[in-house]
Amino acid sequence: MKYELTNESMINTAGKRLFRIKALVDIEEYGVKAGDLGGWIEKEDNLSQSGNAWIFGEAKVYDEAEVSDEACVYGNAEVSGEACVYGNAKVYGNTEVYGDACVFGSAKVYDDAWVSDDAEVSGDAKVYGAAKVYGNAEVSGTAKVYGAAKVCDAKVLGAAWVFGDVWVSGDSCVSDDAKISGNAKVSGNSKVFGNAKVSGNAKVFGYAKVYGNAKVSGAAKIFGAAEVYGAAQVSGAAQIYGNAQVSKIIEDGGING
């Protein structure tokens, strides 16, 4: 056995009795020595007895949640529901991972971030700050979701960054080296990819696509089946919609294809 439950217990805010763990063997990867105390679990099912997975300090894992493989949970982080943290994933800070959410690969979730429902964070992705990833959302690759950003049901892939007060939702996808920032919203079945940037109070929705080196900012709206691409810059109160295709600078007005 790798660890045991001690007699030290506490009742958490969910009304569950948790027990502090104690290492029975050295876990060299995390500098844990036999006899060291760890974090809190409700039962042995919450932390695998195999591998190097460990829970430190005041971190708590309970309900049917499980930490396994080489994963680590520390700080004041909580993992609950049927959530799973595995691979080389790290969950720390004041983070909460719950529902059926999974954090795996070499992903990191930290600060005050939340990952919940059926969301997945994987690869080398990072979710931090006060970001929330939920619904059927997927964050993977080397993607970053941070600040007060929200990703619900959508995908953030590749090396994409989503930050600020952004909301990415629906079946939308942000990928490659795209960046969504400010108060921008990307929703519906829209796609933002390549080196595209969407910022300010801009909105991209419907089946719209923004890609290449395109920039959408201000209060611009891209919707319908419109495409903004190349070196296009759409700003101000411009609206691009219908089947329009734009690869030039548009500062105001509307284009309907």
Protein backbone atom coordinates (compact mmCIF):
# COMPACT_ATOMS: atom_id res chain seq x y z
CA MET A 1 0.00 0.00 0.00
CA LYS A 2 1.14 3.53 -0.76
CA TYR A 3 -0.80 5.32 1.97
CA GLU A 4 -3.32 4.89 4.74
CA LEU A 5 -6.15 6.94 6.20
CA THR A 6 -5.30 8.38 9.60
CA ASN A 7 -7.64 8.96 12.52
CA GLU A 8 -7.54 12.70 11.87
CA SER A 9 -10.85 13.66 10.30
CA MET A 10 -12.99 16.66 9.47
CA ILE A 11 -16.44 17.44 8.07
CA ASN A 12 -16.25 19.48 4.90
CA THR A 13 -18.74 22.04 3.63
CA ALA A 14 -20.61 19.28 1.75
CA GLY A 15 -21.16 17.43 5.01
CA LYS A 16 -18.75 14.63 4.13
CA ARG A 17 -16.32 13.20 6.66
CA LEU A 18 -12.83 13.30 5.23
CA PHE A 19 -9.66 11.68 6.57
CA ARG A 20 -6.11 12.91 6.31
CA ILE A 21 -3.77 10.52 4.53
CA LYS A 22 -0.29 9.36 5.52
CA ALA A 23 2.35 8.02 3.15
CA LEU A 24 3.58 4.48 3.84
CA VAL A 25 6.33 4.64 1.20
CA ASP A 26 8.51 7.32 -0.36
CA ILE A 27 7.08 9.03 -3.42
CA GLU A 28 10.26 10.46 -4.91
CA GLU A 29 8.56 12.36 -7.71
CA TYR A 30 6.91 14.69 -5.19
CA GLY A 31 9.49 14.53 -2.42
CA VAL A 32 7.12 12.65 -0.13
CA LYS A 33 8.69 10.50 2.54
CA ALA A 34 7.11 7.55 4.33
CA GLY A 35 5.29 8.94 7.35
CA ASP A 36 4.52 12.30 5.74
CA LEU A 37 0.94 13.50 6.06
CA GLY A 38 -0.98 14.44 2.96
CA GLY A 39 -4.34 15.97 2.13
CA TRP A 40 -7.89 14.78 2.71
CA ILE A 41 -9.98 12.03 1.15
CA GLU A 42 -13.31 10.43 1.98
CA LYS A 43 -12.25 6.87 1.14
CA GLU A 44 -9.52 4.87 -0.55
CA ASP A 45 -11.31 5.00 -3.88
CA ASN A 46 -10.43 8.70 -4.05
CA LEU A 47 -6.66 8.15 -4.41
CA SER A 48 -5.09 5.25 -6.25
CA GLN A 49 -2.81 3.02 -4.21
CA SER A 50 -0.62 2.54 -7.28
CA GLY A 51 1.42 5.05 -9.24
CA ASN A 52 2.82 8.26 -7.76
CA ALA A 53 -0.42 10.22 -7.51
CA TRP A 54 -0.61 12.30 -4.33
CA ILE A 55 -2.78 14.80 -2.50
CA PHE A 56 -1.06 17.47 -0.41
CA GLY A 57 -1.90 19.88 2.37
CA GLU A 58 -5.49 21.03 2.59
CA ALA A 59 -6.57 19.66 -0.79
CA LYS A 60 -9.72 17.53 -0.65
CA VAL A 61 -10.96 14.69 -2.86
CA TYR A 62 -14.30 13.08 -2.09
CA ASP A 63 -17.56 11.58 -3.42
CA GLU A 64 -16.66 9.23 -6.29
CA ALA A 65 -13.82 11.42 -7.56
CA GLU A 66 -10.45 9.78 -8.19
CA VAL A 67 -6.84 10.93 -8.47
CA SER A 68 -4.53 8.41 -10.13
CA ASP A 69 -1.40 7.72 -12.18
CA GLU A 70 1.17 10.50 -11.58
CA ALA A 71 -1.37 13.26 -10.91
CA CYS A 72 -1.12 15.68 -8.02
CA VAL A 73 -3.73 17.77 -6.16
CA TYR A 74 -2.59 20.39 -3.68
CA GLY A 75 -3.18 23.78 -2.11
CA ASN A 76 -6.86 24.23 -1.27
CA ALA A 77 -8.09 22.46 -4.40
CA GLU A 78 -11.18 20.25 -4.28
CA VAL A 79 -12.07 17.36 -6.57
CA SER A 80 -15.55 15.90 -6.12
CA GLY A 81 -18.55 14.31 -7.79
CA GLU A 82 -17.31 11.72 -10.27
CA ALA A 83 -14.45 13.88 -11.47
CA CYS A 84 -11.08 12.36 -12.35
CA VAL A 85 -7.55 13.72 -12.33
CA TYR A 86 -4.98 11.43 -13.89
CA GLY A 87 -1.91 11.16 -16.09
CA ASN A 88 0.56 13.88 -15.08
CA ALA A 89 -2.15 16.45 -14.42
CA LYS A 90 -1.83 19.05 -11.66
CA VAL A 91 -4.77 20.64 -9.86
CA TYR A 92 -3.96 23.28 -7.25
CA GLY A 93 -4.68 26.66 -5.73
CA ASN A 94 -8.36 27.20 -4.92
CA THR A 95 -9.50 25.23 -7.92
CA GLU A 96 -12.63 23.08 -7.99
CA VAL A 97 -13.02 20.12 -10.33
CA TYR A 98 -16.40 18.43 -10.02
CA GLY A 99 -19.30 16.74 -11.76
CA ASP A 100 -17.98 14.30 -14.37
CA ALA A 101 -15.11 16.56 -15.36
CA CYS A 102 -11.69 15.12 -16.14
CA VAL A 103 -8.24 16.72 -16.05
CA PHE A 104 -5.54 14.56 -17.58
CA GLY A 105 -2.41 14.42 -19.68
CA SER A 106 -0.03 17.12 -18.43
CA ALA A 107 -2.81 19.66 -18.01
CA LYS A 108 -2.82 22.19 -15.17
CA VAL A 109 -5.83 23.78 -13.48
CA TYR A 110 -5.03 26.34 -10.81
CA ASP A 111 -5.73 29.65 -9.08
CA ASP A 112 -9.53 30.01 -8.67
CA ALA A 113 -10.52 28.15 -11.83
CA TRP A 114 -13.44 25.72 -12.04
CA VAL A 115 -13.82 22.69 -14.30
CA SER A 116 -17.19 20.99 -14.06
CA ASP A 117 -19.99 18.99 -15.67
CA ASP A 118 -18.57 16.82 -18.48
CA ALA A 119 -15.70 19.13 -19.36
CA GLU A 120 -12.23 17.83 -20.21
CA VAL A 121 -8.89 19.57 -19.87
CA SER A 122 -6.02 17.61 -21.37
CA GLY A 123 -2.68 17.68 -23.14
CA ASP A 124 -0.54 20.56 -21.90
CA ALA A 125 -3.51 22.89 -21.56
CA LYS A 126 -3.79 25.38 -18.71
CA VAL A 127 -6.93 26.73 -17.08
CA TYR A 128 -6.31 29.37 -14.45
CA GLY A 129 -7.26 32.70 -12.96
CA ALA A 130 -11.01 32.74 -12.37
CA ALA A 131 -11.77 30.84 -15.59
CA LYS A 132 -14.65 28.38 -15.81
CA VAL A 133 -14.78 25.40 -18.16
CA TYR A 134 -18.04 23.50 -18.07
CA GLY A 135 -20.77 21.69 -19.96
CA ASN A 136 -19.24 19.45 -22.61
CA ALA A 137 -16.29 21.78 -23.09
CA GLU A 138 -12.89 20.56 -24.23
CA VAL A 139 -9.60 22.37 -23.68
CA SER A 140 -6.53 20.61 -25.04
CA GLY A 141 -3.18 20.94 -26.78
CA THR A 142 -1.24 23.85 -25.31
CA ALA A 143 -4.35 26.01 -25.09
CA LYS A 144 -4.80 28.53 -22.28
CA VAL A 145 -8.07 29.65 -20.73
CA TYR A 146 -7.63 32.30 -18.06
CA GLY A 147 -8.78 35.55 -16.53
CA ALA A 148 -12.56 35.46 -16.09
CA ALA A 149 -13.10 33.53 -19.33
CA LYS A 150 -15.92 31.01 -19.64
CA VAL A 151 -15.93 28.04 -21.99
CA CYS A 152 -19.22 26.15 -22.10
CA ASP A 153 -19.82 23.18 -24.43
CA ALA A 154 -17.22 24.60 -26.83
CA LYS A 155 -13.67 23.56 -27.78
CA VAL A 156 -10.42 25.43 -27.28
CA LEU A 157 -7.66 23.53 -29.04
CA GLY A 158 -4.13 23.78 -30.32
CA ALA A 159 -2.22 26.80 -29.01
CA ALA A 160 -5.31 29.02 -28.73
CA TRP A 161 -5.71 31.55 -25.92
CA VAL A 162 -9.04 32.55 -24.43
CA PHE A 163 -8.81 35.23 -21.76
CA GLY A 164 -10.39 38.31 -20.23
CA ASP A 165 -14.17 38.29 -19.78
CA VAL A 166 -14.64 36.18 -22.88
CA TRP A 167 -17.45 33.70 -23.32
CA VAL A 168 -16.95 30.81 -25.75
CA SER A 169 -20.04 28.62 -25.96
CA GLY A 170 -22.32 26.46 -28.06
CA ASP A 171 -20.55 24.13 -30.47
CA SER A 172 -17.99 26.75 -31.36
CA CYS A 173 -14.30 26.00 -31.70
CA VAL A 174 -11.25 28.19 -31.14
CA SER A 175 -8.05 26.57 -32.37
CA ASP A 176 -4.54 26.90 -33.79
CA ASP A 177 -2.97 30.17 -32.57
CA ALA A 178 -6.22 32.12 -32.34
CA LYS A 179 -6.78 34.52 -29.46
CA ILE A 180 -10.11 35.60 -27.98
CA SER A 181 -9.92 38.45 -25.47
CA GLY A 182 -11.66 41.43 -23.89
CA ASN A 183 -15.42 40.92 -23.62
CA ALA A 184 -15.71 39.03 -26.88
CA LYS A 185 -18.25 36.25 -27.39
CA VAL A 186 -17.87 33.28 -29.71
CA SER A 187 -20.92 31.03 -29.91
CA GLY A 188 -23.18 28.88 -32.05
CA ASN A 189 -21.27 26.70 -34.49
CA SER A 190 -18.68 29.36 -35.25
CA LYS A 191 -14.97 28.74 -35.71
CA VAL A 192 -12.00 30.98 -35.01
CA PHE A 193 -8.65 29.57 -36.08
CA GLY A 194 -5.29 30.26 -37.68
CA ASN A 195 -3.77 33.43 -36.21
CA ALA A 196 -7.11 35.18 -35.94
CA LYS A 197 -7.88 37.56 -33.09
CA VAL A 198 -11.30 38.49 -31.72
CA SER A 199 -11.33 41.19 -29.05
CA GLY A 200 -13.22 44.10 -27.50
CA ASN A 201 -16.98 43.53 -27.48
CA ALA A 202 -16.97 41.66 -30.76
CA LYS A 203 -19.31 38.74 -31.35
CA VAL A 204 -18.86 35.78 -33.67
CA PHE A 205 -21.83 33.46 -33.88
CA GLY A 206 -24.04 31.32 -36.09
CA TYR A 207 -21.85 29.38 -38.54
CA ALA A 208 -19.37 32.19 -39.03
CA LYS A 209 -15.63 31.66 -39.48
CA VAL A 210 -12.76 33.98 -38.65
CA TYR A 211 -9.34 32.75 -39.69
CA GLY A 212 -5.98 33.51 -41.25
CA ASN A 213 -4.57 36.72 -39.76
CA ALA A 214 -7.97 38.34 -39.47
CA LYS A 215 -8.81 40.67 -36.60
CA VAL A 216 -12.30 41.39 -35.32
CA SER A 217 -12.65 44.05 -32.63
CA GLY A 218 -14.78 46.87 -31.25
CA ALA A 219 -18.48 46.03 -31.31
CA ALA A 220 -18.28 44.19 -34.62
CA LYS A 221 -20.53 41.20 -35.29
CA ILE A 222 -19.76 38.30 -37.60
CA PHE A 223 -22.65 35.90 -38.03
CA GLY A 224 -24.70 33.75 -40.36
CA ALA A 225 -22.32 31.82 -42.61
CA ALA A 226 -19.99 34.78 -43.06
CA GLU A 227 -16.23 34.36 -43.33
CA VAL A 228 -13.57 36.87 -42.34
CA TYR A 229 -10.08 35.83 -43.31
CA GLY A 230 -6.67 36.75 -44.66
CA ALA A 231 -5.47 40.11 -43.36
CA ALA A 232 -9.00 41.39 -42.80
CA GLN A 233 -9.71 43.86 -40.02
CA VAL A 234 -13.32 44.30 -38.94
CA SER A 235 -13.94 46.85 -36.22
CA GLY A 236 -16.28 49.54 -34.91
CA ALA A 237 -19.94 48.62 -35.29
CA ALA A 238 -19.41 46.66 -38.50
CA GLN A 239 -21.64 43.69 -39.20
CA ILE A 240 -20.66 40.89 -41.57
CA TYR A 241 -23.38 38.34 -42.13
CA GLY A 242 -25.21 36.03 -44.51
CA ASN A 243 -22.73 34.36 -46.85
CA ALA A 244 -20.39 37.34 -46.98
CA GLN A 245 -16.66 36.78 -47.37
CA VAL A 246 -14.38 39.57 -46.24
CA SER A 247 -10.60 39.84 -46.52
CA LYS A 248 -10.19 43.64 -46.24
CA ILE A 249 -10.56 46.41 -43.67
CA ILE A 250 -14.14 47.18 -42.61
CA GLU A 251 -14.63 49.76 -39.84
CA ASP A 252 -18.39 50.31 -39.87
CA GLY A 253 -21.50 49.41 -41.84
CA GLY A 254 -22.69 45.99 -42.89
CA ILE A 255 -21.92 43.45 -45.57
CA ASN A 256 -24.41 40.75 -46.45
CA GLY A 257 -23.29 38.12 -48.91
